[in-house]
Amino acid sequence: MGLAQLSSRVRCAVIGMVHVKALPGSPCSHLPVSDITEEACREAAVYLSAGIDGLIVENMHDLPYTMTIGPEVTATMSAVCTAVRQSCPNLLLGVQILSAANHQAMAVALAAGFDFIRVEGFVFSHIADEGLLNACAGDLLRYRKQIGAEHIQVFTDIKKKHSSHAVTSDISLPETAKAAEFFLSDGVVLTGTATGMQADPEELKEVKQAVRIPVLIGSGVTHENLEHYTDASALIIGSHFKKGGYWANEVDSERIKKFMEKMHHLRA
């Protein structure tokens, strides 16, 4: 299932985050792969029962992030994502591997039968808190072609959170979105300045006017501010769906259900 197919049935898809526990080799890792996989599937089941439209599986607990991703990360994420797909056969599913492991995410998505990946550093190199993120559009989309994964969509962050964009400060957000569209992005993701921080609703309007591809909101959406973002193609929500509104906590089914109830009302 692609986002376009989902969007034909529902307005403004809601995509939750499955933050898998720290993977083998990362400093915070303490669980075997079987337990990591079981926990990811448990979280996915909570989202599914609450009526979510889609999920992204992400290795956010792999602090501190590195751009040197070992084969153990790709292998474990493949195992986790395959299990999540089996438990959620009809959901829109995506994967992101931090940091900027976009080729690895594409390989995992293909192996696990996922629908999309979320990509950092697609256009315009910039400085993130983990280092230099170089633009990857040309190499990534050629890799997608080579492995026969053209059905997997690429949703790309622009002016990414946790990053400095001083070098490209003369390039506006709409211009950045246009560049991503020109470089064949399947959709652009807008965020606030950090995880859980609200994206600017005015920027959503500006970018939607600038491009013809889907525009997603990637941070800061809550039950309280939801109505400001319903013109987006999709909302990616992590922190608000966790207990206490903190990304590292357990998934809170009541928060998700309350949010989805309001979304159904707004859609109606």
Protein backbone atom coordinates (compact mmCIF):
# COMPACT_ATOMS: atom_id res chain seq x y z
CA MET A 1 0.00 0.00 0.00
CA GLY A 2 1.27 3.46 -0.89
CA LEU A 3 0.40 6.77 0.71
CA ALA A 4 -1.63 7.78 -2.37
CA GLN A 5 -3.76 4.65 -2.05
CA LEU A 6 -4.29 5.31 1.66
CA SER A 7 -5.05 8.99 1.03
CA SER A 8 -7.80 8.01 -1.38
CA ARG A 9 -9.58 6.43 1.59
CA VAL A 10 -8.71 8.73 4.49
CA ARG A 11 -7.85 12.40 4.84
CA CYS A 12 -4.52 13.16 6.52
CA ALA A 13 -3.14 9.73 7.40
CA VAL A 14 -1.81 9.20 10.93
CA ILE A 15 1.52 7.36 11.15
CA GLY A 16 2.78 6.25 14.56
CA MET A 17 6.36 5.52 15.59
CA VAL A 18 7.71 2.17 16.76
CA HIS A 19 10.99 3.06 18.44
CA VAL A 20 12.76 -0.28 18.63
CA LYS A 21 14.94 -0.92 21.67
CA ALA A 22 18.67 -0.35 21.34
CA LEU A 23 20.15 -2.66 18.71
CA PRO A 24 23.20 -4.93 19.06
CA GLY A 25 26.42 -2.95 19.14
CA SER A 26 24.93 0.34 20.33
CA PRO A 27 25.97 1.68 23.77
CA CYS A 28 22.51 1.23 25.33
CA SER A 29 21.91 -2.26 23.97
CA HIS A 30 21.01 -4.91 26.56
CA LEU A 31 18.33 -7.09 24.97
CA PRO A 32 18.61 -10.09 22.65
CA VAL A 33 17.19 -9.69 19.17
CA SER A 34 14.21 -11.90 20.00
CA ASP A 35 13.16 -9.56 22.82
CA ILE A 36 13.69 -6.46 20.66
CA THR A 37 11.49 -7.99 17.97
CA GLU A 38 8.79 -9.06 20.44
CA GLU A 39 8.61 -5.57 21.97
CA ALA A 40 8.35 -3.92 18.55
CA CYS A 41 5.47 -6.21 17.62
CA ARG A 42 3.77 -5.51 20.95
CA GLU A 43 3.93 -1.75 20.27
CA ALA A 44 2.65 -2.27 16.74
CA ALA A 45 -0.31 -4.23 18.12
CA VAL A 46 -1.18 -1.36 20.49
CA TYR A 47 -1.18 1.08 17.57
CA LEU A 48 -3.20 -1.30 15.41
CA SER A 49 -5.90 -1.77 18.04
CA ALA A 50 -6.16 2.02 18.45
CA GLY A 51 -6.95 2.49 14.76
CA ILE A 52 -3.70 3.93 13.45
CA ASP A 53 -3.27 4.33 9.67
CA GLY A 54 0.42 3.48 9.42
CA LEU A 55 3.70 3.02 11.28
CA ILE A 56 7.39 3.84 10.97
CA VAL A 57 9.89 1.50 12.59
CA GLU A 58 12.98 3.41 13.75
CA ASN A 59 16.12 2.70 15.80
CA MET A 60 15.85 5.87 17.90
CA HIS A 61 17.25 4.20 21.03
CA ASP A 62 20.65 3.71 19.33
CA LEU A 63 22.18 6.72 21.08
CA PRO A 64 24.54 8.36 20.32
CA TYR A 65 23.83 8.17 16.59
CA THR A 66 26.52 7.35 14.09
CA MET A 67 26.76 7.44 10.32
CA THR A 68 28.85 4.28 10.35
CA ILE A 69 26.13 1.63 10.46
CA GLY A 70 27.29 -1.95 10.97
CA PRO A 71 25.74 -5.01 9.30
CA GLU A 72 24.28 -6.05 12.65
CA VAL A 73 21.95 -3.03 12.52
CA THR A 74 20.70 -3.81 9.03
CA ALA A 75 20.24 -7.48 9.92
CA THR A 76 18.35 -6.77 13.14
CA MET A 77 16.14 -4.13 11.58
CA SER A 78 15.29 -6.60 8.80
CA ALA A 79 14.24 -9.18 11.38
CA VAL A 80 12.20 -6.65 13.37
CA CYS A 81 10.50 -5.13 10.32
CA THR A 82 9.64 -8.53 8.85
CA ALA A 83 7.92 -9.48 12.12
CA VAL A 84 6.05 -6.16 12.25
CA ARG A 85 4.86 -6.65 8.66
CA GLN A 86 3.57 -10.12 9.54
CA SER A 87 1.67 -8.72 12.52
CA CYS A 88 0.27 -5.74 10.54
CA PRO A 89 -0.31 -7.07 7.02
CA ASN A 90 -2.63 -4.26 5.91
CA LEU A 91 -0.97 -1.17 7.42
CA LEU A 92 1.11 1.41 5.59
CA LEU A 93 4.60 0.67 6.92
CA GLY A 94 7.88 2.56 6.69
CA VAL A 95 11.37 2.34 8.15
CA GLN A 96 14.05 4.85 9.10
CA ILE A 97 17.55 3.89 10.22
CA LEU A 98 19.55 6.49 12.10
CA SER A 99 21.63 8.14 11.22
CA ALA A 100 21.12 8.75 7.52
CA ALA A 101 21.45 5.01 6.79
CA ASN A 102 19.20 5.47 3.80
CA HIS A 103 20.61 2.71 1.60
CA GLN A 104 20.33 0.26 4.48
CA ALA A 105 16.74 1.37 5.12
CA MET A 106 15.90 0.76 1.47
CA ALA A 107 17.34 -2.75 1.67
CA VAL A 108 15.39 -3.46 4.86
CA ALA A 109 12.16 -2.13 3.34
CA LEU A 110 12.58 -4.39 0.33
CA ALA A 111 13.33 -7.46 2.45
CA ALA A 112 10.47 -6.83 4.90
CA GLY A 113 7.82 -5.81 2.38
CA PHE A 114 7.53 -2.24 3.62
CA ASP A 115 5.98 0.62 1.67
CA PHE A 116 8.33 3.56 2.24
CA ILE A 117 11.44 4.87 3.94
CA ARG A 118 12.02 8.17 5.69
CA VAL A 119 15.25 9.77 4.53
CA GLU A 120 17.64 12.31 6.02
CA GLY A 121 19.95 14.44 3.88
CA PHE A 122 18.18 13.93 0.55
CA VAL A 123 19.04 17.37 -0.84
CA PHE A 124 21.39 20.12 0.41
CA SER A 125 24.13 18.86 2.72
CA HIS A 126 23.94 20.19 6.27
CA ILE A 127 25.39 19.76 9.74
CA ALA A 128 23.44 17.55 12.14
CA ASP A 129 24.27 16.90 15.78
CA GLU A 130 25.92 13.63 14.74
CA GLY A 131 28.03 15.20 11.97
CA LEU A 132 27.91 16.15 8.29
CA LEU A 133 24.94 14.80 6.35
CA ASN A 134 25.70 14.86 2.64
CA ALA A 135 22.94 15.02 0.03
CA CYS A 136 22.15 11.50 -1.15
CA ALA A 137 19.33 11.72 -3.71
CA GLY A 138 21.33 10.65 -6.75
CA ASP A 139 23.00 7.66 -5.14
CA LEU A 140 19.91 6.53 -3.20
CA LEU A 141 17.50 6.53 -6.12
CA ARG A 142 20.02 4.74 -8.32
CA TYR A 143 20.37 2.11 -5.59
CA ARG A 144 16.57 1.79 -5.40
CA LYS A 145 16.52 1.18 -9.16
CA GLN A 146 19.35 -1.36 -9.05
CA ILE A 147 17.71 -3.57 -6.40
CA GLY A 148 14.26 -3.45 -7.98
CA ALA A 149 12.69 -1.43 -5.17
CA GLU A 150 11.03 1.32 -7.18
CA HIS A 151 7.70 0.56 -5.54
CA ILE A 152 9.15 1.72 -2.20
CA GLN A 153 8.47 5.42 -1.72
CA VAL A 154 11.05 7.87 -0.36
CA PHE A 155 9.76 10.55 2.01
CA THR A 156 12.45 13.11 2.67
CA ASP A 157 13.07 15.50 5.54
CA ILE A 158 13.86 19.08 4.49
CA LYS A 159 15.62 21.55 6.80
CA LYS A 160 15.94 18.59 9.17
CA LYS A 161 15.48 18.90 12.94
CA HIS A 162 18.54 18.69 15.25
CA SER A 163 20.57 20.37 12.53
CA SER A 164 22.24 23.62 11.52
CA HIS A 165 21.29 25.02 8.14
CA ALA A 166 23.51 28.10 8.18
CA VAL A 167 25.26 27.08 4.96
CA THR A 168 21.90 26.97 3.14
CA SER A 169 20.27 29.86 5.00
CA ASP A 170 19.80 31.69 1.69
CA ILE A 171 17.58 28.84 0.45
CA SER A 172 14.02 29.00 1.75
CA LEU A 173 12.00 26.01 2.93
CA PRO A 174 9.72 26.11 -0.17
CA GLU A 175 12.82 26.25 -2.41
CA THR A 176 14.27 23.26 -0.57
CA ALA A 177 11.00 21.39 -1.07
CA LYS A 178 11.05 22.23 -4.78
CA ALA A 179 14.59 20.87 -5.03
CA ALA A 180 13.50 17.62 -3.34
CA GLU A 181 10.59 17.34 -5.77
CA PHE A 182 12.90 18.01 -8.72
CA PHE A 183 15.19 15.25 -7.46
CA LEU A 184 12.23 12.82 -7.47
CA SER A 185 11.29 12.72 -3.79
CA ASP A 186 7.94 11.00 -3.25
CA GLY A 187 7.03 13.38 -0.43
CA VAL A 188 8.63 15.93 1.89
CA VAL A 189 8.59 15.95 5.69
CA LEU A 190 8.39 19.16 7.73
CA THR A 191 9.50 19.25 11.37
CA GLY A 192 10.18 21.56 14.27
CA THR A 193 13.71 22.16 15.49
CA ALA A 194 13.88 19.00 17.62
CA THR A 195 12.02 15.78 18.42
CA GLY A 196 8.55 16.61 19.71
CA MET A 197 8.81 20.28 18.74
CA GLN A 198 5.91 21.74 16.78
CA ALA A 199 6.26 22.37 13.06
CA ASP A 200 5.13 25.78 11.83
CA PRO A 201 1.58 25.60 10.33
CA GLU A 202 2.43 28.55 8.07
CA GLU A 203 5.33 26.60 6.62
CA LEU A 204 2.92 23.77 5.82
CA LYS A 205 0.83 26.18 3.76
CA GLU A 206 3.88 27.58 1.98
CA VAL A 207 5.33 24.21 1.07
CA LYS A 208 1.97 22.81 -0.07
CA GLN A 209 1.73 25.75 -2.47
CA ALA A 210 5.27 25.16 -3.73
CA VAL A 211 5.13 21.44 -4.60
CA ARG A 212 2.75 18.87 -6.03
CA ILE A 213 4.06 15.90 -4.04
CA PRO A 214 2.69 14.92 -0.60
CA VAL A 215 3.69 17.06 2.38
CA LEU A 216 4.00 15.27 5.72
CA ILE A 217 4.40 16.70 9.22
CA GLY A 218 7.17 14.93 11.12
CA SER A 219 7.14 16.33 14.66
CA GLY A 220 5.17 18.16 17.31
CA VAL A 221 1.58 17.21 16.45
CA THR A 222 -0.63 16.70 19.51
CA HIS A 223 -4.30 16.27 20.33
CA GLU A 224 -4.41 19.96 21.18
CA ASN A 225 -2.95 21.33 17.93
CA LEU A 226 -4.14 18.68 15.47
CA GLU A 227 -6.57 20.95 13.62
CA HIS A 228 -3.65 23.12 12.43
CA TYR A 229 -2.17 20.24 10.41
CA THR A 230 -5.07 18.40 8.79
CA ASP A 231 -4.15 19.80 5.35
CA ALA A 232 -1.01 17.66 5.42
CA SER A 233 -0.96 14.38 3.52
CA ALA A 234 0.11 12.57 6.67
CA LEU A 235 1.15 13.17 10.27
CA ILE A 236 4.11 11.26 11.74
CA ILE A 237 3.63 11.13 15.51
CA GLY A 238 6.01 9.68 18.08
CA SER A 239 6.32 11.65 21.32
CA HIS A 240 2.63 12.47 21.76
CA PHE A 241 1.66 8.80 21.57
CA LYS A 242 3.99 7.86 24.43
CA LYS A 243 3.23 8.00 28.14
CA GLY A 244 3.78 11.51 29.41
CA GLY A 245 4.39 12.69 25.85
CA TYR A 246 8.06 11.61 25.95
CA TRP A 247 9.44 9.62 23.03
CA ALA A 248 11.39 7.05 25.07
CA ASN A 249 8.40 5.96 27.17
CA GLU A 250 5.98 3.15 26.42
CA VAL A 251 3.21 3.58 23.89
CA ASP A 252 0.02 4.90 25.50
CA SER A 253 -3.06 3.34 23.92
CA GLU A 254 -5.43 5.86 25.50
CA ARG A 255 -3.50 8.79 24.01
CA ILE A 256 -3.65 7.19 20.57
CA LYS A 257 -7.36 6.39 20.81
CA LYS A 258 -8.18 9.92 21.99
CA PHE A 259 -6.16 11.39 19.12
CA MET A 260 -7.75 9.12 16.52
CA GLU A 261 -11.24 9.94 17.80
CA LYS A 262 -10.55 13.63 17.22
CA MET A 263 -9.07 12.88 13.82
CA HIS A 264 -12.16 10.90 12.79
CA HIS A 265 -14.31 13.85 13.90
CA LEU A 266 -12.23 16.32 11.88
CA ARG A 267 -12.30 14.07 8.82
CA ALA A 268 -16.09 13.87 9.05
